[in-house]
PDB file of all heavy atoms in Angstrom:
ATOM      1  N   GLY A   1       0.826  -1.212  -0.006  1.00  0.00           N
ATOM      2  CA  GLY A   1       0.016  -0.017   0.029  1.00  0.00           C
ATOM      3  C   GLY A   1       0.869   1.264   0.016  1.00  0.00           C
ATOM      4  O   GLY A   1       2.067   1.187   0.253  1.00  0.00           O
ATOM      5  N   PRO A   2       0.227   2.409  -0.286  1.00  0.00           N
ATOM      6  CA  PRO A   2       1.007   3.634  -0.239  1.00  0.00           C
ATOM      7  C   PRO A   2       1.455   3.995   1.180  1.00  0.00           C
ATOM      8  O   PRO A   2       1.002   3.389   2.135  1.00  0.00           O
ATOM      9  CB  PRO A   2      -0.082   4.733  -0.695  1.00  0.00           C
ATOM     10  CG  PRO A   2      -1.260   3.890  -1.219  1.00  0.00           C
ATOM     11  CD  PRO A   2      -1.185   2.581  -0.594  1.00  0.00           C
ATOM     12  N   GLU A   3       2.364   4.996   1.219  1.00  0.00           N
ATOM     13  CA  GLU A   3       2.831   5.411   2.540  1.00  0.00           C
ATOM     14  C   GLU A   3       1.644   5.991   3.335  1.00  0.00           C
ATOM     15  O   GLU A   3       0.728   6.558   2.731  1.00  0.00           O
ATOM     16  CB  GLU A   3       3.905   6.472   2.341  1.00  0.00           C
ATOM     17  CG  GLU A   3       4.856   6.588   3.526  1.00  0.00           C
ATOM     18  CD  GLU A   3       6.121   7.416   3.214  1.00  0.00           C
ATOM     19  OE1 GLU A   3       6.343   7.669   1.989  1.00  0.00           O
ATOM     20  OE2 GLU A   3       6.733   7.895   4.181  1.00  0.00           O
ATOM     21  N   GLY A   4       1.649   5.773   4.670  1.00  0.00           N
ATOM     22  CA  GLY A   4       0.603   6.337   5.511  1.00  0.00           C
ATOM     23  C   GLY A   4      -0.681   5.616   5.510  1.00  0.00           C
ATOM     24  O   GLY A   4      -1.745   6.216   5.768  1.00  0.00           O
ATOM     25  N   THR A   5      -0.660   4.312   5.184  1.00  0.00           N
ATOM     26  CA  THR A   5      -1.934   3.570   5.189  1.00  0.00           C
ATOM     27  C   THR A   5      -1.972   2.507   6.354  1.00  0.00           C
ATOM     28  O   THR A   5      -2.844   1.616   6.336  1.00  0.00           O
ATOM     29  CB  THR A   5      -2.098   2.846   3.844  1.00  0.00           C
ATOM     30  OG1 THR A   5      -0.899   2.119   3.496  1.00  0.00           O
ATOM     31  CG2 THR A   5      -2.464   3.808   2.712  1.00  0.00           C
ATOM     32  N   GLY A   6      -1.034   2.600   7.259  1.00  0.00           N
ATOM     33  CA  GLY A   6      -1.135   1.770   8.483  1.00  0.00           C
ATOM     34  C   GLY A   6      -0.348   0.481   8.482  1.00  0.00           C
ATOM     35  O   GLY A   6      -0.437  -0.366   9.358  1.00  0.00           O
ATOM     36  N   LYS A   7       0.545   0.348   7.466  1.00  0.00           N
ATOM     37  CA  LYS A   7       1.259  -0.948   7.361  1.00  0.00           C
ATOM     38  C   LYS A   7       2.235  -1.119   8.573  1.00  0.00           C
ATOM     39  O   LYS A   7       2.280  -2.232   9.166  1.00  0.00           O
ATOM     40  CB  LYS A   7       2.108  -0.951   6.038  1.00  0.00           C
ATOM     41  CG  LYS A   7       1.294  -0.922   4.763  1.00  0.00           C
ATOM     42  CD  LYS A   7       2.139  -1.147   3.512  1.00  0.00           C
ATOM     43  CE  LYS A   7       3.262  -0.113   3.283  1.00  0.00           C
ATOM     44  NZ  LYS A   7       2.746   1.276   3.091  1.00  0.00           N
ATOM     45  N   THR A   8       3.029  -0.131   8.911  1.00  0.00           N
ATOM     46  CA  THR A   8       4.000  -0.183  10.004  1.00  0.00           C
ATOM     47  C   THR A   8       3.236  -0.272  11.324  1.00  0.00           C
ATOM     48  O   THR A   8       3.688  -1.100  12.221  1.00  0.00           O
ATOM     49  CB  THR A   8       4.974   0.953   9.970  1.00  0.00           C
ATOM     50  OG1 THR A   8       5.683   0.876   8.732  1.00  0.00           O
ATOM     51  CG2 THR A   8       5.989   0.794  11.089  1.00  0.00           C
ATOM     52  N   GLU A   9       2.134   0.392  11.448  1.00  0.00           N
ATOM     53  CA  GLU A   9       1.383   0.287  12.720  1.00  0.00           C
ATOM     54  C   GLU A   9       0.881  -1.132  12.897  1.00  0.00           C
ATOM     55  O   GLU A   9       0.833  -1.656  14.015  1.00  0.00           O
ATOM     56  CB  GLU A   9       0.171   1.278  12.723  1.00  0.00           C
ATOM     57  CG  GLU A   9       0.536   2.669  13.072  1.00  0.00           C
ATOM     58  CD  GLU A   9       0.822   2.836  14.562  1.00  0.00           C
ATOM     59  OE1 GLU A   9       0.342   2.009  15.422  1.00  0.00           O
ATOM     60  OE2 GLU A   9       1.476   3.789  14.929  1.00  0.00           O
ATOM     61  N   MET A  10       0.426  -1.764  11.805  1.00  0.00           N
ATOM     62  CA  MET A  10       0.008  -3.135  11.851  1.00  0.00           C
ATOM     63  C   MET A  10       1.142  -4.052  12.251  1.00  0.00           C
ATOM     64  O   MET A  10       0.987  -5.001  13.007  1.00  0.00           O
ATOM     65  CB  MET A  10      -0.634  -3.618  10.526  1.00  0.00           C
ATOM     66  CG  MET A  10      -1.198  -4.956  10.535  1.00  0.00           C
ATOM     67  SD  MET A  10      -2.677  -5.091  11.613  1.00  0.00           S
ATOM     68  CE  MET A  10      -3.914  -4.245  10.671  1.00  0.00           C
ATOM     69  N   LEU A  11       2.367  -3.748  11.807  1.00  0.00           N
ATOM     70  CA  LEU A  11       3.493  -4.537  12.238  1.00  0.00           C
ATOM     71  C   LEU A  11       3.808  -4.383  13.743  1.00  0.00           C
ATOM     72  O   LEU A  11       4.079  -5.383  14.438  1.00  0.00           O
ATOM     73  CB  LEU A  11       4.756  -4.120  11.429  1.00  0.00           C
ATOM     74  CG  LEU A  11       4.783  -4.418   9.921  1.00  0.00           C
ATOM     75  CD1 LEU A  11       6.051  -3.914   9.325  1.00  0.00           C
ATOM     76  CD2 LEU A  11       4.644  -5.962   9.701  1.00  0.00           C
ATOM     77  N   TYR A  12       3.641  -3.165  14.254  1.00  0.00           N
ATOM     78  CA  TYR A  12       3.787  -3.002  15.688  1.00  0.00           C
ATOM     79  C   TYR A  12       2.741  -3.848  16.507  1.00  0.00           C
ATOM     80  O   TYR A  12       3.034  -4.412  17.508  1.00  0.00           O
ATOM     81  CB  TYR A  12       3.599  -1.524  16.092  1.00  0.00           C
ATOM     82  CG  TYR A  12       4.693  -0.548  15.639  1.00  0.00           C
ATOM     83  CD1 TYR A  12       4.403   0.771  15.262  1.00  0.00           C
ATOM     84  CD2 TYR A  12       6.038  -0.911  15.527  1.00  0.00           C
ATOM     85  CE1 TYR A  12       5.305   1.639  14.785  1.00  0.00           C
ATOM     86  CE2 TYR A  12       6.990  -0.032  15.056  1.00  0.00           C
ATOM     87  CZ  TYR A  12       6.676   1.207  14.677  1.00  0.00           C
ATOM     88  OH  TYR A  12       7.608   2.074  14.227  1.00  0.00           O
ATOM     89  N   HIS A  13       1.577  -3.814  15.935  1.00  0.00           N
ATOM     90  CA  HIS A  13       0.472  -4.597  16.551  1.00  0.00           C
ATOM     91  C   HIS A  13       0.837  -6.104  16.617  1.00  0.00           C
ATOM     92  O   HIS A  13       0.659  -6.758  17.641  1.00  0.00           O
ATOM     93  CB  HIS A  13      -0.827  -4.427  15.667  1.00  0.00           C
ATOM     94  CG  HIS A  13      -1.941  -5.253  16.047  1.00  0.00           C
ATOM     95  ND1 HIS A  13      -2.676  -5.110  17.250  1.00  0.00           N
ATOM     96  CD2 HIS A  13      -2.550  -6.328  15.437  1.00  0.00           C
ATOM     97  CE1 HIS A  13      -3.627  -6.044  17.315  1.00  0.00           C
ATOM     98  NE2 HIS A  13      -3.572  -6.731  16.189  1.00  0.00           N
ATOM     99  N   LEU A  14       1.360  -6.602  15.501  1.00  0.00           N
ATOM    100  CA  LEU A  14       1.755  -8.044  15.459  1.00  0.00           C
ATOM    101  C   LEU A  14       2.961  -8.349  16.342  1.00  0.00           C
ATOM    102  O   LEU A  14       2.967  -9.380  16.984  1.00  0.00           O
ATOM    103  CB  LEU A  14       2.010  -8.424  13.943  1.00  0.00           C
ATOM    104  CG  LEU A  14       0.904  -8.337  12.921  1.00  0.00           C
ATOM    105  CD1 LEU A  14       1.379  -8.719  11.580  1.00  0.00           C
ATOM    106  CD2 LEU A  14      -0.257  -9.106  13.394  1.00  0.00           C
ATOM    107  N   ILE A  15       3.915  -7.413  16.394  1.00  0.00           N
ATOM    108  CA  ILE A  15       5.071  -7.607  17.278  1.00  0.00           C
ATOM    109  C   ILE A  15       4.557  -7.698  18.665  1.00  0.00           C
ATOM    110  O   ILE A  15       5.010  -8.536  19.425  1.00  0.00           O
ATOM    111  CB  ILE A  15       6.128  -6.409  17.096  1.00  0.00           C
ATOM    112  CG1 ILE A  15       6.706  -6.460  15.698  1.00  0.00           C
ATOM    113  CG2 ILE A  15       7.153  -6.514  18.153  1.00  0.00           C
ATOM    114  CD1 ILE A  15       7.512  -5.232  15.339  1.00  0.00           C
ATOM    115  N   ALA A  16       3.701  -6.731  19.080  1.00  0.00           N
ATOM    116  CA  ALA A  16       3.239  -6.737  20.453  1.00  0.00           C
ATOM    117  C   ALA A  16       2.513  -7.996  20.799  1.00  0.00           C
ATOM    118  O   ALA A  16       2.728  -8.606  21.905  1.00  0.00           O
ATOM    119  CB  ALA A  16       2.275  -5.561  20.648  1.00  0.00           C
ATOM    120  N   ARG A  17       1.730  -8.497  19.836  1.00  0.00           N
ATOM    121  CA  ARG A  17       1.025  -9.797  20.079  1.00  0.00           C
ATOM    122  C   ARG A  17       2.047 -10.923  20.310  1.00  0.00           C
ATOM    123  O   ARG A  17       1.780 -11.833  21.069  1.00  0.00           O
ATOM    124  CB  ARG A  17       0.144 -10.182  18.812  1.00  0.00           C
ATOM    125  CG  ARG A  17      -1.039  -9.300  18.566  1.00  0.00           C
ATOM    126  CD  ARG A  17      -2.315  -9.792  19.271  1.00  0.00           C
ATOM    127  NE  ARG A  17      -2.712 -11.121  19.043  1.00  0.00           N
ATOM    128  CZ  ARG A  17      -2.956 -12.103  19.950  1.00  0.00           C
ATOM    129  NH1 ARG A  17      -2.771 -11.770  21.227  1.00  0.00           N
ATOM    130  NH2 ARG A  17      -3.233 -13.307  19.638  1.00  0.00           N
ATOM    131  N   CYS A  18       3.132 -10.882  19.586  1.00  0.00           N
ATOM    132  CA  CYS A  18       4.183 -11.929  19.659  1.00  0.00           C
ATOM    133  C   CYS A  18       4.926 -11.866  20.991  1.00  0.00           C
ATOM    134  O   CYS A  18       5.174 -12.914  21.648  1.00  0.00           O
ATOM    135  CB  CYS A  18       5.151 -11.857  18.533  1.00  0.00           C
ATOM    136  SG  CYS A  18       4.462 -12.447  16.928  1.00  0.00           S
ATOM    137  N   ILE A  19       5.350 -10.669  21.370  1.00  0.00           N
ATOM    138  CA  ILE A  19       6.336 -10.582  22.486  1.00  0.00           C
ATOM    139  C   ILE A  19       5.738 -10.502  23.837  1.00  0.00           C
ATOM    140  O   ILE A  19       6.421 -10.584  24.850  1.00  0.00           O
ATOM    141  CB  ILE A  19       7.373  -9.472  22.278  1.00  0.00           C
ATOM    142  CG1 ILE A  19       6.692  -8.045  22.226  1.00  0.00           C
ATOM    143  CG2 ILE A  19       8.157  -9.645  20.914  1.00  0.00           C
ATOM    144  CD1 ILE A  19       7.672  -6.873  22.061  1.00  0.00           C
ATOM    145  N   ILE A  20       4.398 -10.209  23.933  1.00  0.00           N
ATOM    146  CA  ILE A  20       3.723 -10.127  25.224  1.00  0.00           C
ATOM    147  C   ILE A  20       3.576 -11.598  25.713  1.00  0.00           C
ATOM    148  O   ILE A  20       3.363 -12.546  24.898  1.00  0.00           O
ATOM    149  CB  ILE A  20       2.326  -9.514  25.032  1.00  0.00           C
ATOM    150  CG1 ILE A  20       2.498  -8.011  24.856  1.00  0.00           C
ATOM    151  CG2 ILE A  20       1.434  -9.829  26.255  1.00  0.00           C
ATOM    152  CD1 ILE A  20       1.231  -7.211  24.597  1.00  0.00           C
ATOM    153  N   PRO A  21       3.812 -11.849  26.996  1.00  0.00           N
ATOM    154  CA  PRO A  21       3.782 -13.205  27.510  1.00  0.00           C
ATOM    155  C   PRO A  21       2.393 -13.915  27.455  1.00  0.00           C
ATOM    156  O   PRO A  21       1.387 -13.141  27.330  1.00  0.00           O
ATOM    157  CB  PRO A  21       4.217 -13.068  28.994  1.00  0.00           C
ATOM    158  CG  PRO A  21       3.995 -11.626  29.348  1.00  0.00           C
ATOM    159  CD  PRO A  21       4.141 -10.887  28.081  1.00  0.00           C
ATOM    160  N   LYS A  22       2.330 -15.145  27.447  1.00  0.00           N
ATOM    161  CA  LYS A  22       1.065 -15.941  27.353  1.00  0.00           C
ATOM    162  C   LYS A  22       0.185 -15.498  28.507  1.00  0.00           C
ATOM    163  O   LYS A  22      -1.017 -15.447  28.273  1.00  0.00           O
ATOM    164  CB  LYS A  22       1.395 -17.406  27.360  1.00  0.00           C
ATOM    165  CG  LYS A  22       2.010 -17.967  26.093  1.00  0.00           C
ATOM    166  CD  LYS A  22       2.322 -19.411  26.126  1.00  0.00           C
ATOM    167  CE  LYS A  22       2.849 -19.830  24.785  1.00  0.00           C
ATOM    168  NZ  LYS A  22       3.419 -21.212  24.808  1.00  0.00           N
ATOM    169  N   SER A  23       0.742 -15.297  29.654  1.00  0.00           N
ATOM    170  CA  SER A  23      -0.075 -14.885  30.773  1.00  0.00           C
ATOM    171  C   SER A  23      -0.778 -13.507  30.589  1.00  0.00           C
ATOM    172  O   SER A  23      -1.807 -13.276  31.140  1.00  0.00           O
ATOM    173  CB  SER A  23       0.804 -14.773  32.004  1.00  0.00           C
ATOM    174  OG  SER A  23       1.828 -13.823  31.863  1.00  0.00           O
ATOM    175  N   GLY A  24      -0.262 -12.762  29.623  1.00  0.00           N
ATOM    176  CA  GLY A  24      -0.868 -11.433  29.330  1.00  0.00           C
ATOM    177  C   GLY A  24      -1.649 -11.499  28.038  1.00  0.00           C
ATOM    178  O   GLY A  24      -2.059 -10.435  27.495  1.00  0.00           O
ATOM    179  N   GLY A  25      -1.930 -12.701  27.488  1.00  0.00           N
ATOM    180  CA  GLY A  25      -2.673 -12.832  26.275  1.00  0.00           C
ATOM    181  C   GLY A  25      -1.909 -12.839  24.960  1.00  0.00           C
ATOM    182  O   GLY A  25      -2.461 -12.861  23.855  1.00  0.00           O
ATOM    183  N   GLY A  26      -0.553 -12.830  25.098  1.00  0.00           N
ATOM    184  CA  GLY A  26       0.324 -12.800  23.905  1.00  0.00           C
ATOM    185  C   GLY A  26       0.742 -14.181  23.519  1.00  0.00           C
ATOM    186  O   GLY A  26       0.310 -15.197  24.079  1.00  0.00           O
ATOM    187  N   LEU A  27       1.624 -14.271  22.508  1.00  0.00           N
ATOM    188  CA  LEU A  27       2.123 -15.600  22.062  1.00  0.00           C
ATOM    189  C   LEU A  27       3.413 -15.953  22.685  1.00  0.00           C
ATOM    190  O   LEU A  27       3.855 -17.139  22.652  1.00  0.00           O
ATOM    191  CB  LEU A  27       2.265 -15.596  20.547  1.00  0.00           C
ATOM    192  CG  LEU A  27       0.998 -15.304  19.714  1.00  0.00           C
ATOM    193  CD1 LEU A  27       1.371 -15.335  18.265  1.00  0.00           C
ATOM    194  CD2 LEU A  27      -0.125 -16.274  20.010  1.00  0.00           C
ATOM    195  N   GLU A  28       4.108 -14.940  23.271  1.00  0.00           N
ATOM    196  CA  GLU A  28       5.403 -15.197  23.938  1.00  0.00           C
ATOM    197  C   GLU A  28       6.386 -15.881  22.968  1.00  0.00           C
ATOM    198  O   GLU A  28       7.028 -16.921  23.273  1.00  0.00           O
ATOM    199  CB  GLU A  28       5.252 -16.045  25.208  1.00  0.00           C
ATOM    200  CG  GLU A  28       6.325 -15.756  26.228  1.00  0.00           C
ATOM    201  CD  GLU A  28       6.055 -16.518  27.613  1.00  0.00           C
ATOM    202  OE1 GLU A  28       4.896 -16.491  28.019  1.00  0.00           O
ATOM    203  OE2 GLU A  28       7.026 -17.073  28.096  1.00  0.00           O
ATOM    204  N   VAL A  29       6.605 -15.277  21.798  1.00  0.00           N
ATOM    205  CA  VAL A  29       7.545 -15.773  20.816  1.00  0.00           C
ATOM    206  C   VAL A  29       8.484 -14.650  20.414  1.00  0.00           C
ATOM    207  O   VAL A  29       8.197 -13.465  20.684  1.00  0.00           O
ATOM    208  CB  VAL A  29       6.961 -16.434  19.577  1.00  0.00           C
ATOM    209  CG1 VAL A  29       6.064 -17.636  19.890  1.00  0.00           C
ATOM    210  CG2 VAL A  29       6.126 -15.337  18.786  1.00  0.00           C
ATOM    211  N   GLU A  30       9.591 -14.985  19.856  1.00  0.00           N
ATOM    212  CA  GLU A  30      10.646 -13.988  19.455  1.00  0.00           C
ATOM    213  C   GLU A  30      10.377 -13.519  18.010  1.00  0.00           C
ATOM    214  O   GLU A  30       9.930 -14.297  17.189  1.00  0.00           O
ATOM    215  CB  GLU A  30      12.045 -14.533  19.643  1.00  0.00           C
ATOM    216  CG  GLU A  30      12.351 -14.770  21.113  1.00  0.00           C
ATOM    217  CD  GLU A  30      13.713 -15.366  21.310  1.00  0.00           C
ATOM    218  OE1 GLU A  30      14.245 -16.067  20.379  1.00  0.00           O
ATOM    219  OE2 GLU A  30      14.247 -15.280  22.422  1.00  0.00           O
ATOM    220  N   VAL A  31      10.783 -12.225  17.774  1.00  0.00           N
ATOM    221  CA  VAL A  31      10.594 -11.665  16.475  1.00  0.00           C
ATOM    222  C   VAL A  31      11.889 -11.053  16.005  1.00  0.00           C
ATOM    223  O   VAL A  31      12.585 -10.374  16.807  1.00  0.00           O
ATOM    224  CB  VAL A  31       9.508 -10.547  16.575  1.00  0.00           C
ATOM    225  CG1 VAL A  31       9.301  -9.860  15.187  1.00  0.00           C
ATOM    226  CG2 VAL A  31       8.176 -11.059  17.047  1.00  0.00           C
ATOM    227  N   MET A  32      12.215 -11.205  14.730  1.00  0.00           N
ATOM    228  CA  MET A  32      13.361 -10.526  14.111  1.00  0.00           C
ATOM    229  C   MET A  32      12.839  -9.451  13.169  1.00  0.00           C
ATOM    230  O   MET A  32      12.035  -9.706  12.245  1.00  0.00           O
ATOM    231  CB  MET A  32      14.219 -11.527  13.360  1.00  0.00           C
ATOM    232  CG  MET A  32      15.237 -10.944  12.438  1.00  0.00           C
ATOM    233  SD  MET A  32      16.568 -10.070  13.351  1.00  0.00           S
ATOM    234  CE  MET A  32      17.363 -11.507  14.116  1.00  0.00           C
TER     235      MET A  32
END
C-alpha cells in the first residue's frame, strides 16, 4: 500500500502480540 496507510502500525500490533507473555494474552515468541 501507499505510505501512511497503516502498514507499519500493523507490524507494531503483530510484534506486540508476539512478544507479550502468554499470561498477558500474547504468544510469547521472538521476532526478528
